[in-house]
Amino acid sequence: MLRTTMPITGIHADGTPCTHQVNQRTGRPKDPNSDYTGRTGYGATCSTCDETITNYLKLLVTPEVTKHLRQHAN
């Protein structure tokens, strides 16, 4: 049986994953010459049911992910 995972990743305004190096405080890119606008929030997608949780703060996504993963444990 596969393990259910829900990794939290940074996301852009259009919902695409953010893989750029960013300033932790501002969310803006470390490279000043980049045309990248910055991270706008965080998201997590369940590997089992494809439910997605998003918010602008990682602090608010984490408990929702934990709650969702508990539903799959039953």
Protein backbone atom coordinates (compact mmCIF):
# COMPACT_ATOMS: atom_id res chain seq x y z
CA MET A 1 0.00 0.00 0.00
CA LEU A 2 1.35 3.41 -0.96
CA ARG A 3 1.88 6.01 1.71
CA THR A 4 -0.35 9.08 1.49
CA THR A 5 1.72 12.27 1.32
CA MET A 6 0.89 15.94 1.10
CA PRO A 7 4.09 17.99 0.70
CA ILE A 8 3.79 21.74 1.26
CA THR A 9 5.37 23.84 -1.48
CA GLY A 10 5.57 27.51 -2.35
CA ILE A 11 3.28 28.67 -5.14
CA HIS A 12 3.06 31.58 -7.57
CA ALA A 13 -0.07 33.69 -8.06
CA ASP A 14 -1.12 31.46 -10.98
CA GLY A 15 -0.88 28.31 -8.81
CA THR A 16 2.33 26.92 -10.31
CA PRO A 17 5.02 25.59 -7.94
CA CYS A 18 7.69 28.06 -6.86
CA THR A 19 11.18 26.56 -7.02
CA HIS A 20 13.12 29.83 -6.94
CA GLN A 21 15.36 30.87 -4.08
CA VAL A 22 13.52 33.56 -2.18
CA ASN A 23 14.07 35.87 0.76
CA GLN A 24 12.42 34.14 3.74
CA ARG A 25 11.02 37.36 5.15
CA THR A 26 9.59 38.96 1.99
CA GLY A 27 9.05 36.03 -0.39
CA ARG A 28 10.74 38.00 -3.17
CA PRO A 29 13.49 36.45 -5.35
CA LYS A 30 17.10 36.57 -4.16
CA ASP A 31 18.22 37.35 -7.72
CA PRO A 32 17.42 41.08 -8.25
CA ASN A 33 17.71 40.70 -12.05
CA SER A 34 14.99 38.06 -12.19
CA ASP A 35 11.61 38.86 -13.78
CA TYR A 36 10.05 36.51 -11.25
CA THR A 37 7.40 38.28 -9.14
CA GLY A 38 7.75 36.19 -5.99
CA ARG A 39 5.99 33.54 -3.97
CA THR A 40 2.40 34.39 -3.12
CA GLY A 41 1.51 31.49 -0.85
CA TYR A 42 1.78 27.81 -0.06
CA GLY A 43 -0.10 24.80 -1.25
CA ALA A 44 -0.31 21.06 -0.65
CA THR A 45 -1.94 18.40 -2.81
CA CYS A 46 -2.89 14.98 -1.47
CA SER A 47 -1.23 12.06 -3.28
CA THR A 48 -4.29 9.87 -2.74
CA CYS A 49 -7.37 12.00 -3.45
CA ASP A 50 -5.85 15.10 -5.17
CA GLU A 51 -7.47 17.52 -2.69
CA THR A 52 -5.53 20.80 -2.58
CA ILE A 53 -5.10 23.13 0.38
CA THR A 54 -3.72 26.64 -0.19
CA ASN A 55 -3.11 29.73 1.89
CA TYR A 56 -0.75 32.68 1.86
CA LEU A 57 0.82 31.51 5.15
CA LYS A 58 2.55 28.16 5.58
CA LEU A 59 1.57 28.33 9.24
CA LEU A 60 -2.10 28.01 8.23
CA VAL A 61 -1.57 25.22 5.67
CA THR A 62 0.29 22.88 8.04
CA PRO A 63 -2.59 22.09 10.48
CA GLU A 64 -5.01 21.60 7.59
CA VAL A 65 -2.62 19.10 6.00
CA THR A 66 -2.32 17.21 9.28
CA LYS A 67 -6.11 17.14 9.64
CA HIS A 68 -6.55 15.88 6.06
CA LEU A 69 -3.93 13.14 6.43
CA ARG A 70 -5.68 11.87 9.58
CA GLN A 71 -8.82 11.29 7.49
CA HIS A 72 -6.88 8.83 5.32
CA ALA A 73 -5.53 6.97 8.38
CA ASN A 74 -9.01 5.73 9.34
